[in-house]
PDB file of N, CA and C in Angstrom:
ATOM      1  N   UNK A   1       5.342 -10.120  42.187  1.00  0.00           N
ATOM      2  CA  UNK A   1       4.582 -10.733  41.104  1.00  0.00           C
ATOM      3  C   UNK A   1       4.648 -12.258  41.244  1.00  0.00           C
ATOM      4  N   UNK A   2       3.503 -12.930  41.030  1.00  0.00           N
ATOM      5  CA  UNK A   2       3.485 -14.379  41.191  1.00  0.00           C
ATOM      6  C   UNK A   2       4.042 -15.056  39.950  1.00  0.00           C
ATOM      7  N   UNK A   3       4.527 -16.267  40.160  1.00  0.00           N
ATOM      8  CA  UNK A   3       5.069 -17.008  39.025  1.00  0.00           C
ATOM      9  C   UNK A   3       3.952 -17.794  38.362  1.00  0.00           C
ATOM     10  N   UNK A   4       4.115 -18.019  37.066  1.00  0.00           N
ATOM     11  CA  UNK A   4       3.100 -18.778  36.326  1.00  0.00           C
ATOM     12  C   UNK A   4       3.784 -19.949  35.638  1.00  0.00           C
ATOM     13  N   UNK A   5       3.002 -20.975  35.391  1.00  0.00           N
ATOM     14  CA  UNK A   5       3.535 -22.118  34.661  1.00  0.00           C
ATOM     15  C   UNK A   5       2.736 -22.240  33.367  1.00  0.00           C
ATOM     16  N   UNK A   6       3.044 -21.375  32.427  1.00  0.00           N
ATOM     17  CA  UNK A   6       2.277 -21.317  31.201  1.00  0.00           C
ATOM     18  C   UNK A   6       2.454 -22.576  30.355  1.00  0.00           C
ATOM     19  N   UNK A   7       3.605 -23.171  30.427  1.00  0.00           N
ATOM     20  CA  UNK A   7       3.860 -24.339  29.591  1.00  0.00           C
ATOM     21  C   UNK A   7       2.913 -25.474  29.968  1.00  0.00           C
ATOM     22  N   UNK A   8       2.791 -25.758  31.268  1.00  0.00           N
ATOM     23  CA  UNK A   8       1.941 -26.865  31.721  1.00  0.00           C
ATOM     24  C   UNK A   8       0.483 -26.592  31.393  1.00  0.00           C
ATOM     25  N   UNK A   9       0.033 -25.358  31.593  1.00  0.00           N
ATOM     26  CA  UNK A   9      -1.373 -25.062  31.328  1.00  0.00           C
ATOM     27  C   UNK A   9      -1.661 -25.161  29.836  1.00  0.00           C
ATOM     28  N   UNK A  10      -0.745 -24.734  28.997  1.00  0.00           N
ATOM     29  CA  UNK A  10      -0.941 -24.849  27.552  1.00  0.00           C
ATOM     30  C   UNK A  10      -0.982 -26.323  27.148  1.00  0.00           C
ATOM     31  N   UNK A  11      -0.113 -27.127  27.754  1.00  0.00           N
ATOM     32  CA  UNK A  11      -0.100 -28.556  27.435  1.00  0.00           C
ATOM     33  C   UNK A  11      -1.406 -29.227  27.838  1.00  0.00           C
ATOM     34  N   UNK A  12      -1.952 -28.819  28.994  1.00  0.00           N
ATOM     35  CA  UNK A  12      -3.237 -29.369  29.427  1.00  0.00           C
ATOM     36  C   UNK A  12      -4.326 -29.050  28.413  1.00  0.00           C
ATOM     37  N   UNK A  13      -4.363 -27.798  27.969  1.00  0.00           N
ATOM     38  CA  UNK A  13      -5.388 -27.397  26.998  1.00  0.00           C
ATOM     39  C   UNK A  13      -5.207 -28.124  25.675  1.00  0.00           C
ATOM     40  N   UNK A  14      -3.959 -28.231  25.229  1.00  0.00           N
ATOM     41  CA  UNK A  14      -3.693 -28.901  23.954  1.00  0.00           C
ATOM     42  C   UNK A  14      -4.100 -30.373  24.017  1.00  0.00           C
ATOM     43  N   UNK A  15      -3.868 -30.984  25.188  1.00  0.00           N
ATOM     44  CA  UNK A  15      -4.224 -32.397  25.357  1.00  0.00           C
ATOM     45  C   UNK A  15      -5.736 -32.593  25.204  1.00  0.00           C
ATOM     46  N   UNK A  16      -6.516 -31.708  25.830  1.00  0.00           N
ATOM     47  CA  UNK A  16      -7.972 -31.805  25.741  1.00  0.00           C
ATOM     48  C   UNK A  16      -8.427 -31.573  24.306  1.00  0.00           C
ATOM     49  N   UNK A  17      -7.878 -30.535  23.651  1.00  0.00           N
ATOM     50  CA  UNK A  17      -8.302 -30.218  22.289  1.00  0.00           C
ATOM     51  C   UNK A  17      -7.881 -31.321  21.308  1.00  0.00           C
ATOM     52  N   UNK A  18      -6.759 -31.953  21.581  1.00  0.00           N
ATOM     53  CA  UNK A  18      -6.338 -33.056  20.718  1.00  0.00           C
ATOM     54  C   UNK A  18      -7.319 -34.229  20.829  1.00  0.00           C
ATOM     55  N   UNK A  19      -7.786 -34.515  22.054  1.00  0.00           N
ATOM     56  CA  UNK A  19      -8.769 -35.578  22.252  1.00  0.00           C
ATOM     57  C   UNK A  19     -10.104 -35.237  21.605  1.00  0.00           C
ATOM     58  N   UNK A  20     -10.394 -33.914  21.467  1.00  0.00           N
ATOM     59  CA  UNK A  20     -11.668 -33.473  20.898  1.00  0.00           C
ATOM     60  C   UNK A  20     -11.599 -33.331  19.380  1.00  0.00           C
ATOM     61  N   UNK A  21     -10.489 -33.702  18.783  1.00  0.00           N
ATOM     62  CA  UNK A  21     -10.345 -33.574  17.329  1.00  0.00           C
ATOM     63  C   UNK A  21     -11.419 -34.390  16.627  1.00  0.00           C
ATOM     64  N   UNK A  22     -12.073 -33.785  15.656  1.00  0.00           N
ATOM     65  CA  UNK A  22     -13.126 -34.468  14.919  1.00  0.00           C
ATOM     66  C   UNK A  22     -14.512 -34.197  15.464  1.00  0.00           C
ATOM     67  N   UNK A  23     -14.613 -33.603  16.647  1.00  0.00           N
ATOM     68  CA  UNK A  23     -15.919 -33.237  17.177  1.00  0.00           C
ATOM     69  C   UNK A  23     -16.459 -32.068  16.378  1.00  0.00           C
ATOM     70  N   UNK A  24     -17.762 -31.866  16.410  1.00  0.00           N
ATOM     71  CA  UNK A  24     -18.432 -30.879  15.577  1.00  0.00           C
ATOM     72  C   UNK A  24     -18.433 -29.498  16.246  1.00  0.00           C
ATOM     73  N   UNK A  25     -18.107 -28.484  15.469  1.00  0.00           N
ATOM     74  CA  UNK A  25     -18.242 -27.099  15.910  1.00  0.00           C
ATOM     75  C   UNK A  25     -17.376 -26.750  17.111  1.00  0.00           C
ATOM     76  N   UNK A  26     -17.994 -26.029  18.058  1.00  0.00           N
ATOM     77  CA  UNK A  26     -17.267 -25.533  19.225  1.00  0.00           C
ATOM     78  C   UNK A  26     -16.699 -26.664  20.076  1.00  0.00           C
ATOM     79  N   UNK A  27     -17.289 -27.833  19.963  1.00  0.00           N
ATOM     80  CA  UNK A  27     -16.818 -28.970  20.770  1.00  0.00           C
ATOM     81  C   UNK A  27     -15.363 -29.307  20.473  1.00  0.00           C
ATOM     82  N   UNK A  28     -14.906 -28.971  19.297  1.00  0.00           N
ATOM     83  CA  UNK A  28     -13.512 -29.282  18.963  1.00  0.00           C
ATOM     84  C   UNK A  28     -12.621 -28.049  19.007  1.00  0.00           C
ATOM     85  N   UNK A  29     -13.212 -26.855  19.202  1.00  0.00           N
ATOM     86  CA  UNK A  29     -12.431 -25.624  19.106  1.00  0.00           C
ATOM     87  C   UNK A  29     -12.266 -24.896  20.439  1.00  0.00           C
ATOM     88  N   UNK A  30     -13.304 -24.903  21.262  1.00  0.00           N
ATOM     89  CA  UNK A  30     -13.317 -24.121  22.494  1.00  0.00           C
ATOM     90  C   UNK A  30     -13.105 -25.029  23.697  1.00  0.00           C
ATOM     91  N   UNK A  31     -12.232 -24.584  24.578  1.00  0.00           N
ATOM     92  CA  UNK A  31     -11.782 -25.446  25.664  1.00  0.00           C
ATOM     93  C   UNK A  31     -12.916 -25.910  26.569  1.00  0.00           C
ATOM     94  N   UNK A  32     -13.795 -25.010  26.956  1.00  0.00           N
ATOM     95  CA  UNK A  32     -14.828 -25.380  27.931  1.00  0.00           C
ATOM     96  C   UNK A  32     -15.746 -26.471  27.365  1.00  0.00           C
ATOM     97  N   UNK A  33     -16.228 -26.262  26.145  1.00  0.00           N
ATOM     98  CA  UNK A  33     -17.088 -27.269  25.519  1.00  0.00           C
ATOM     99  C   UNK A  33     -16.317 -28.566  25.266  1.00  0.00           C
ATOM    100  N   UNK A  34     -15.079 -28.423  24.833  1.00  0.00           N
ATOM    101  CA  UNK A  34     -14.269 -29.609  24.529  1.00  0.00           C
ATOM    102  C   UNK A  34     -14.048 -30.443  25.790  1.00  0.00           C
ATOM    103  N   UNK A  35     -13.774 -29.788  26.911  1.00  0.00           N
ATOM    104  CA  UNK A  35     -13.539 -30.520  28.155  1.00  0.00           C
ATOM    105  C   UNK A  35     -14.760 -31.352  28.534  1.00  0.00           C
ATOM    106  N   UNK A  36     -15.937 -30.741  28.435  1.00  0.00           N
ATOM    107  CA  UNK A  36     -17.161 -31.456  28.801  1.00  0.00           C
ATOM    108  C   UNK A  36     -17.372 -32.674  27.910  1.00  0.00           C
ATOM    109  N   UNK A  37     -17.220 -32.469  26.612  1.00  0.00           N
ATOM    110  CA  UNK A  37     -17.511 -33.553  25.684  1.00  0.00           C
ATOM    111  C   UNK A  37     -16.443 -34.642  25.686  1.00  0.00           C
ATOM    112  N   UNK A  38     -15.202 -34.259  25.930  1.00  0.00           N
ATOM    113  CA  UNK A  38     -14.134 -35.257  26.053  1.00  0.00           C
ATOM    114  C   UNK A  38     -14.366 -36.103  27.307  1.00  0.00           C
ATOM    115  N   UNK A  39     -14.753 -35.443  28.406  1.00  0.00           N
ATOM    116  CA  UNK A  39     -15.012 -36.183  29.648  1.00  0.00           C
ATOM    117  C   UNK A  39     -16.137 -37.204  29.440  1.00  0.00           C
ATOM    118  N   UNK A  40     -17.199 -36.779  28.763  1.00  0.00           N
ATOM    119  CA  UNK A  40     -18.323 -37.677  28.515  1.00  0.00           C
ATOM    120  C   UNK A  40     -17.902 -38.820  27.589  1.00  0.00           C
ATOM    121  N   UNK A  41     -17.117 -38.486  26.563  1.00  0.00           N
ATOM    122  CA  UNK A  41     -16.651 -39.514  25.630  1.00  0.00           C
ATOM    123  C   UNK A  41     -15.792 -40.553  26.342  1.00  0.00           C
ATOM    124  N   UNK A  42     -14.966 -40.117  27.260  1.00  0.00           N
ATOM    125  CA  UNK A  42     -14.117 -41.053  28.010  1.00  0.00           C
ATOM    126  C   UNK A  42     -14.964 -41.942  28.922  1.00  0.00           C
ATOM    127  N   UNK A  43     -16.050 -41.386  29.473  1.00  0.00           N
ATOM    128  CA  UNK A  43     -16.965 -42.201  30.278  1.00  0.00           C
ATOM    129  C   UNK A  43     -17.603 -43.291  29.417  1.00  0.00           C
ATOM    130  N   UNK A  44     -18.061 -42.895  28.234  1.00  0.00           N
ATOM    131  CA  UNK A  44     -18.675 -43.876  27.326  1.00  0.00           C
ATOM    132  C   UNK A  44     -17.659 -44.946  26.925  1.00  0.00           C
ATOM    133  N   UNK A  45     -16.427 -44.520  26.647  1.00  0.00           N
ATOM    134  CA  UNK A  45     -15.400 -45.467  26.220  1.00  0.00           C
ATOM    135  C   UNK A  45     -15.138 -46.496  27.322  1.00  0.00           C
ATOM    136  N   UNK A  46     -15.050 -46.039  28.567  1.00  0.00           N
ATOM    137  CA  UNK A  46     -14.810 -46.925  29.703  1.00  0.00           C
ATOM    138  C   UNK A  46     -15.957 -47.924  29.840  1.00  0.00           C
ATOM    139  N   UNK A  47     -17.189 -47.397  29.794  1.00  0.00           N
ATOM    140  CA  UNK A  47     -18.368 -48.254  29.935  1.00  0.00           C
ATOM    141  C   UNK A  47     -18.454 -49.266  28.800  1.00  0.00           C
ATOM    142  N   UNK A  48     -18.213 -48.800  27.583  1.00  0.00           N
ATOM    143  CA  UNK A  48     -18.436 -49.647  26.417  1.00  0.00           C
ATOM    144  C   UNK A  48     -17.352 -50.694  26.221  1.00  0.00           C
ATOM    145  N   UNK A  49     -16.177 -50.490  26.808  1.00  0.00           N
ATOM    146  CA  UNK A  49     -15.173 -51.558  26.757  1.00  0.00           C
ATOM    147  C   UNK A  49     -15.682 -52.789  27.495  1.00  0.00           C
ATOM    148  N   UNK A  50     -16.456 -52.577  28.541  1.00  0.00           N
ATOM    149  CA  UNK A  50     -17.042 -53.695  29.266  1.00  0.00           C
ATOM    150  C   UNK A  50     -18.285 -54.222  28.553  1.00  0.00           C
ATOM    151  N   UNK A  51     -19.075 -53.290  28.016  1.00  0.00           N
ATOM    152  CA  UNK A  51     -20.302 -53.685  27.334  1.00  0.00           C
ATOM    153  C   UNK A  51     -20.019 -54.514  26.080  1.00  0.00           C
ATOM    154  N   UNK A  52     -18.911 -54.215  25.404  1.00  0.00           N
ATOM    155  CA  UNK A  52     -18.559 -54.934  24.184  1.00  0.00           C
ATOM    156  C   UNK A  52     -18.450 -56.434  24.450  1.00  0.00           C
ATOM    157  N   UNK A  53     -17.895 -56.792  25.591  1.00  0.00           N
ATOM    158  CA  UNK A  53     -17.733 -58.206  25.938  1.00  0.00           C
ATOM    159  C   UNK A  53     -19.104 -58.882  26.072  1.00  0.00           C
ATOM    160  N   UNK A  54     -20.065 -58.169  26.695  1.00  0.00           N
ATOM    161  CA  UNK A  54     -21.411 -58.716  26.853  1.00  0.00           C
ATOM    162  C   UNK A  54     -22.101 -58.864  25.505  1.00  0.00           C
ATOM    163  N   UNK A  55     -21.932 -57.846  24.668  1.00  0.00           N
ATOM    164  CA  UNK A  55     -22.609 -57.858  23.362  1.00  0.00           C
ATOM    165  C   UNK A  55     -22.101 -58.991  22.489  1.00  0.00           C
ATOM    166  N   UNK A  56     -20.789 -59.216  22.513  1.00  0.00           N
ATOM    167  CA  UNK A  56     -20.245 -60.298  21.698  1.00  0.00           C
ATOM    168  C   UNK A  56     -20.708 -61.661  22.207  1.00  0.00           C
ATOM    169  N   UNK A  57     -20.750 -61.835  23.513  1.00  0.00           N
ATOM    170  CA  UNK A  57     -21.235 -63.106  24.056  1.00  0.00           C
ATOM    171  C   UNK A  57     -22.679 -63.349  23.618  1.00  0.00           C
ATOM    172  N   UNK A  58     -23.504 -62.310  23.677  1.00  0.00           N
ATOM    173  CA  UNK A  58     -24.906 -62.431  23.254  1.00  0.00           C
ATOM    174  C   UNK A  58     -24.987 -62.790  21.766  1.00  0.00           C
ATOM    175  N   UNK A  59     -24.143 -62.173  20.947  1.00  0.00           N
ATOM    176  CA  UNK A  59     -24.129 -62.468  19.512  1.00  0.00           C
ATOM    177  C   UNK A  59     -23.743 -63.927  19.263  1.00  0.00           C
ATOM    178  N   UNK A  60     -22.712 -64.393  19.976  1.00  0.00           N
ATOM    179  CA  UNK A  60     -22.283 -65.778  19.805  1.00  0.00           C
ATOM    180  C   UNK A  60     -23.414 -66.733  20.181  1.00  0.00           C
ATOM    181  N   UNK A  61     -24.135 -66.430  21.264  1.00  0.00           N
ATOM    182  CA  UNK A  61     -25.216 -67.297  21.718  1.00  0.00           C
ATOM    183  C   UNK A  61     -26.322 -67.363  20.669  1.00  0.00           C
ATOM    184  N   UNK A  62     -26.657 -66.207  20.077  1.00  0.00           N
ATOM    185  CA  UNK A  62     -27.684 -66.174  19.032  1.00  0.00           C
ATOM    186  C   UNK A  62     -27.268 -67.041  17.854  1.00  0.00           C
ATOM    187  N   UNK A  63     -26.020 -66.936  17.443  1.00  0.00           N
ATOM    188  CA  UNK A  63     -25.533 -67.711  16.293  1.00  0.00           C
ATOM    189  C   UNK A  63     -25.513 -69.204  16.585  1.00  0.00           C
ATOM    190  N   UNK A  64     -25.058 -69.564  17.780  1.00  0.00           N
ATOM    191  CA  UNK A  64     -25.012 -70.984  18.152  1.00  0.00           C
ATOM    192  C   UNK A  64     -26.435 -71.545  18.202  1.00  0.00           C
ATOM    193  N   UNK A  65     -27.353 -70.777  18.773  1.00  0.00           N
ATOM    194  CA  UNK A  65     -28.740 -71.224  18.889  1.00  0.00           C
ATOM    195  C   UNK A  65     -29.351 -71.444  17.510  1.00  0.00           C
ATOM    196  N   UNK A  66     -29.110 -70.515  16.592  1.00  0.00           N
ATOM    197  CA  UNK A  66     -29.673 -70.657  15.241  1.00  0.00           C
ATOM    198  C   UNK A  66     -29.140 -71.920  14.563  1.00  0.00           C
ATOM    199  N   UNK A  67     -27.837 -72.147  14.683  1.00  0.00           N
ATOM    200  CA  UNK A  67     -27.238 -73.329  14.060  1.00  0.00           C
ATOM    201  C   UNK A  67     -27.702 -74.608  14.755  1.00  0.00           C
ATOM    202  N   UNK A  68     -27.821 -74.548  16.076  1.00  0.00           N
ATOM    203  CA  UNK A  68     -28.251 -75.733  16.827  1.00  0.00           C
ATOM    204  C   UNK A  68     -29.684 -76.120  16.445  1.00  0.00           C
ATOM    205  N   UNK A  69     -30.540 -75.133  16.268  1.00  0.00           N
ATOM    206  CA  UNK A  69     -31.928 -75.417  15.898  1.00  0.00           C
ATOM    207  C   UNK A  69     -32.016 -76.057  14.514  1.00  0.00           C
ATOM    208  N   UNK A  70     -31.094 -75.712  13.626  1.00  0.00           N
ATOM    209  CA  UNK A  70     -31.067 -76.363  12.321  1.00  0.00           C
ATOM    210  C   UNK A  70     -30.687 -77.830  12.449  1.00  0.00           C
ATOM    211  N   UNK A  71     -29.989 -78.143  13.529  1.00  0.00           N
ATOM    212  CA  UNK A  71     -29.592 -79.534  13.776  1.00  0.00           C
ATOM    213  C   UNK A  71     -30.582 -80.266  14.681  1.00  0.00           C
ATOM    214  N   UNK A  72     -31.698 -79.615  15.000  1.00  0.00           N
ATOM    215  CA  UNK A  72     -32.756 -80.279  15.752  1.00  0.00           C
ATOM    216  C   UNK A  72     -32.610 -80.219  17.260  1.00  0.00           C
ATOM    217  N   UNK A  73     -31.833 -79.285  17.761  1.00  0.00           N
ATOM    218  CA  UNK A  73     -31.713 -79.115  19.203  1.00  0.00           C
ATOM    219  C   UNK A  73     -31.750 -77.617  19.515  1.00  0.00           C
ATOM    220  N   UNK A  74     -31.529 -77.255  20.771  1.00  0.00           N
ATOM    221  CA  UNK A  74     -31.498 -75.838  21.137  1.00  0.00           C
ATOM    222  C   UNK A  74     -30.137 -75.506  21.746  1.00  0.00           C
ATOM    223  N   UNK A  75     -29.891 -74.228  21.884  1.00  0.00           N
ATOM    224  CA  UNK A  75     -28.648 -73.761  22.502  1.00  0.00           C
ATOM    225  C   UNK A  75     -28.505 -74.337  23.907  1.00  0.00           C
ATOM    226  N   UNK A  76     -29.583 -74.241  24.665  1.00  0.00           N
ATOM    227  CA  UNK A  76     -29.553 -74.670  26.060  1.00  0.00           C
ATOM    228  C   UNK A  76     -29.204 -76.157  26.177  1.00  0.00           C
ATOM    229  N   UNK A  77     -29.896 -76.971  25.387  1.00  0.00           N
ATOM    230  CA  UNK A  77     -29.629 -78.419  25.433  1.00  0.00           C
ATOM    231  C   UNK A  77     -28.210 -78.734  24.974  1.00  0.00           C
ATOM    232  N   UNK A  78     -27.798 -78.069  23.900  1.00  0.00           N
ATOM    233  CA  UNK A  78     -26.455 -78.312  23.360  1.00  0.00           C
ATOM    234  C   UNK A  78     -25.381 -77.988  24.396  1.00  0.00           C
ATOM    235  N   UNK A  79     -25.479 -76.821  25.022  1.00  0.00           N
ATOM    236  CA  UNK A  79     -24.461 -76.426  26.000  1.00  0.00           C
ATOM    237  C   UNK A  79     -24.466 -77.365  27.207  1.00  0.00           C
ATOM    238  N   UNK A  80     -25.653 -77.814  27.600  1.00  0.00           N
ATOM    239  CA  UNK A  80     -25.754 -78.738  28.729  1.00  0.00           C
ATOM    240  C   UNK A  80     -25.062 -80.064  28.415  1.00  0.00           C
ATOM    241  N   UNK A  81     -25.319 -80.586  27.217  1.00  0.00           N
ATOM    242  CA  UNK A  81     -24.716 -81.860  26.817  1.00  0.00           C
ATOM    243  C   UNK A  81     -23.201 -81.708  26.661  1.00  0.00           C
ATOM    244  N   UNK A  82     -22.766 -80.607  26.075  1.00  0.00           N
ATOM    245  CA  UNK A  82     -21.319 -80.378  25.932  1.00  0.00           C
ATOM    246  C   UNK A  82     -20.634 -80.353  27.298  1.00  0.00           C
ATOM    247  N   UNK A  83     -21.305 -79.728  28.268  1.00  0.00           N
ATOM    248  CA  UNK A  83     -20.739 -79.664  29.619  1.00  0.00           C
ATOM    249  C   UNK A  83     -20.711 -81.055  30.261  1.00  0.00           C
ATOM    250  N   UNK A  84     -21.788 -81.796  30.091  1.00  0.00           N
ATOM    251  CA  UNK A  84     -21.849 -83.160  30.648  1.00  0.00           C
ATOM    252  C   UNK A  84     -20.770 -84.056  30.064  1.00  0.00           C
ATOM    253  N   UNK A  85     -20.561 -83.955  28.754  1.00  0.00           N
ATOM    254  CA  UNK A  85     -19.573 -84.813  28.079  1.00  0.00           C
ATOM    255  C   UNK A  85     -18.151 -84.268  28.208  1.00  0.00           C
ATOM    256  N   UNK A  86     -18.033 -83.144  28.903  1.00  0.00           N
ATOM    257  CA  UNK A  86     -16.730 -82.506  29.131  1.00  0.00           C
ATOM    258  C   UNK A  86     -16.055 -82.119  27.804  1.00  0.00           C
ATOM    259  N   UNK A  87     -16.853 -81.668  26.858  1.00  0.00           N
ATOM    260  CA  UNK A  87     -16.328 -81.136  25.593  1.00  0.00           C
ATOM    261  C   UNK A  87     -16.157 -79.640  25.800  1.00  0.00           C
ATOM    262  N   UNK A  88     -14.915 -79.204  25.893  1.00  0.00           N
ATOM    263  CA  UNK A  88     -14.645 -77.817  26.269  1.00  0.00           C
ATOM    264  C   UNK A  88     -14.377 -76.954  25.040  1.00  0.00           C
ATOM    265  N   UNK A  89     -15.468 -76.466  24.449  1.00  0.00           N
ATOM    266  CA  UNK A  89     -15.384 -75.514  23.347  1.00  0.00           C
ATOM    267  C   UNK A  89     -16.078 -74.239  23.809  1.00  0.00           C
ATOM    268  N   UNK A  90     -15.399 -73.112  23.662  1.00  0.00           N
ATOM    269  CA  UNK A  90     -16.030 -71.883  24.125  1.00  0.00           C
ATOM    270  C   UNK A  90     -17.027 -71.355  23.096  1.00  0.00           C
ATOM    271  N   UNK A  91     -17.839 -70.408  23.525  1.00  0.00           N
ATOM    272  CA  UNK A  91     -18.916 -69.895  22.679  1.00  0.00           C
ATOM    273  C   UNK A  91     -18.382 -69.193  21.439  1.00  0.00           C
ATOM    274  N   UNK A  92     -17.275 -68.507  21.588  1.00  0.00           N
ATOM    275  CA  UNK A  92     -16.685 -67.804  20.439  1.00  0.00           C
ATOM    276  C   UNK A  92     -16.332 -68.806  19.336  1.00  0.00           C
ATOM    277  N   UNK A  93     -15.701 -69.896  19.718  1.00  0.00           N
ATOM    278  CA  UNK A  93     -15.304 -70.915  18.751  1.00  0.00           C
ATOM    279  C   UNK A  93     -16.524 -71.614  18.152  1.00  0.00           C
ATOM    280  N   UNK A  94     -17.504 -71.957  18.986  1.00  0.00           N
ATOM    281  CA  UNK A  94     -18.712 -72.604  18.484  1.00  0.00           C
ATOM    282  C   UNK A  94     -19.447 -71.709  17.485  1.00  0.00           C
ATOM    283  N   UNK A  95     -19.525 -70.414  17.776  1.00  0.00           N
ATOM    284  CA  UNK A  95     -20.186 -69.476  16.866  1.00  0.00           C
ATOM    285  C   UNK A  95     -19.423 -69.374  15.556  1.00  0.00           C
ATOM    286  N   UNK A  96     -18.106 -69.372  15.642  1.00  0.00           N
ATOM    287  CA  UNK A  96     -17.260 -69.325  14.437  1.00  0.00           C
ATOM    288  C   UNK A  96     -17.497 -70.572  13.573  1.00  0.00           C
ATOM    289  N   UNK A  97     -17.554 -71.727  14.216  1.00  0.00           N
ATOM    290  CA  UNK A  97     -17.826 -72.963  13.484  1.00  0.00           C
ATOM    291  C   UNK A  97     -19.229 -72.933  12.861  1.00  0.00           C
ATOM    292  N   UNK A  98     -20.194 -72.462  13.624  1.00  0.00           N
ATOM    293  CA  UNK A  98     -21.575 -72.417  13.141  1.00  0.00           C
ATOM    294  C   UNK A  98     -21.702 -71.524  11.907  1.00  0.00           C
ATOM    295  N   UNK A  99     -20.964 -70.431  11.886  1.00  0.00           N
ATOM    296  CA  UNK A  99     -21.054 -69.485  10.766  1.00  0.00           C
ATOM    297  C   UNK A  99     -20.245 -69.949   9.558  1.00  0.00           C
ATOM    298  N   UNK A 100     -18.995 -70.337   9.791  1.00  0.00           N
ATOM    299  CA  UNK A 100     -18.057 -70.536   8.682  1.00  0.00           C
ATOM    300  C   UNK A 100     -17.775 -71.996   8.338  1.00  0.00           C
ATOM    301  N   UNK A 101     -18.013 -72.888   9.281  1.00  0.00           N
ATOM    302  CA  UNK A 101     -17.745 -74.310   9.038  1.00  0.00           C
ATOM    303  C   UNK A 101     -18.927 -75.134   9.528  1.00  0.00           C
ATOM    304  N   UNK A 102     -20.101 -75.019   8.874  1.00  0.00           N
ATOM    305  CA  UNK A 102     -21.291 -75.710   9.381  1.00  0.00           C
ATOM    306  C   UNK A 102     -21.150 -77.223   9.439  1.00  0.00           C
ATOM    307  N   UNK A 103     -20.342 -77.800   8.542  1.00  0.00           N
ATOM    308  CA  UNK A 103     -20.165 -79.259   8.570  1.00  0.00           C
ATOM    309  C   UNK A 103     -19.418 -79.685   9.830  1.00  0.00           C
ATOM    310  N   UNK A 104     -18.456 -78.898  10.274  1.00  0.00           N
ATOM    311  CA  UNK A 104     -17.725 -79.207  11.510  1.00  0.00           C
ATOM    312  C   UNK A 104     -18.649 -79.023  12.712  1.00  0.00           C
ATOM    313  N   UNK A 105     -19.442 -77.946  12.691  1.00  0.00           N
ATOM    314  CA  UNK A 105     -20.402 -77.706  13.777  1.00  0.00           C
ATOM    315  C   UNK A 105     -21.385 -78.872  13.877  1.00  0.00           C
ATOM    316  N   UNK A 106     -21.851 -79.351  12.723  1.00  0.00           N
ATOM    317  CA  UNK A 106     -22.777 -80.482  12.683  1.00  0.00           C
ATOM    318  C   UNK A 106     -22.155 -81.701  13.361  1.00  0.00           C
ATOM    319  N   UNK A 107     -20.891 -81.967  13.101  1.00  0.00           N
ATOM    320  CA  UNK A 107     -20.194 -83.099  13.714  1.00  0.00           C
ATOM    321  C   UNK A 107     -20.066 -82.917  15.236  1.00  0.00           C
ATOM    322  N   UNK A 108     -19.793 -81.685  15.649  1.00  0.00           N
ATOM    323  CA  UNK A 108     -19.711 -81.410  17.107  1.00  0.00           C
ATOM    324  C   UNK A 108     -21.048 -81.735  17.758  1.00  0.00           C
ATOM    325  N   UNK A 109     -22.132 -81.272  17.123  1.00  0.00           N
ATOM    326  CA  UNK A 109     -23.472 -81.511  17.683  1.00  0.00           C
ATOM    327  C   UNK A 109     -23.767 -83.007  17.734  1.00  0.00           C
ATOM    328  N   UNK A 110     -23.484 -83.700  16.645  1.00  0.00           N
ATOM    329  CA  UNK A 110     -23.755 -85.150  16.604  1.00  0.00           C
ATOM    330  C   UNK A 110     -22.927 -85.896  17.632  1.00  0.00           C
ATOM    331  N   UNK A 111     -21.660 -85.508  17.749  1.00  0.00           N
ATOM    332  CA  UNK A 111     -20.783 -86.143  18.735  1.00  0.00           C
ATOM    333  C   UNK A 111     -21.322 -85.922  20.147  1.00  0.00           C
ATOM    334  N   UNK A 112     -21.770 -84.715  20.419  1.00  0.00           N
ATOM    335  CA  UNK A 112     -22.268 -84.388  21.756  1.00  0.00           C
ATOM    336  C   UNK A 112     -23.569 -85.124  22.065  1.00  0.00           C
ATOM    337  N   UNK A 113     -24.477 -85.118  21.114  1.00  0.00           N
ATOM    338  CA  UNK A 113     -25.805 -85.685  21.371  1.00  0.00           C
ATOM    339  C   UNK A 113     -25.854 -87.202  21.296  1.00  0.00           C
ATOM    340  N   UNK A 114     -25.038 -87.793  20.434  1.00  0.00           N
ATOM    341  CA  UNK A 114     -25.166 -89.229  20.187  1.00  0.00           C
ATOM    342  C   UNK A 114     -24.007 -90.068  20.714  1.00  0.00           C
ATOM    343  N   UNK A 115     -23.023 -89.446  21.277  1.00  0.00           N
ATOM    344  CA  UNK A 115     -21.877 -90.228  21.758  1.00  0.00           C
ATOM    345  C   UNK A 115     -22.061 -90.688  23.177  1.00  0.00           C
TER     346      UNK A 115
END
């Protein structure tokens, strides 16, 4: 008679079903469906961890551009002047200033454009 390793196989199944917790219907109850959907979910998670960085950068650019246009310039011109003047503020910080501290953002723009 061959030997079996029931403990390891049960642990493998439990691991998959634990990852599928909260899925709808058979996806969270039956191993075959759960394996497929967990695998796909992990693919999306891997992809979207990278995509999140792109999406946030795009959001920051939109916010900076909107605030810059209120000050009479554009995102492109502002970033170019900041680079020329060696003012090293990243997009995340500039977007934060544009949203929550518009008076500080205004000073940054004036300093960059008129200094």
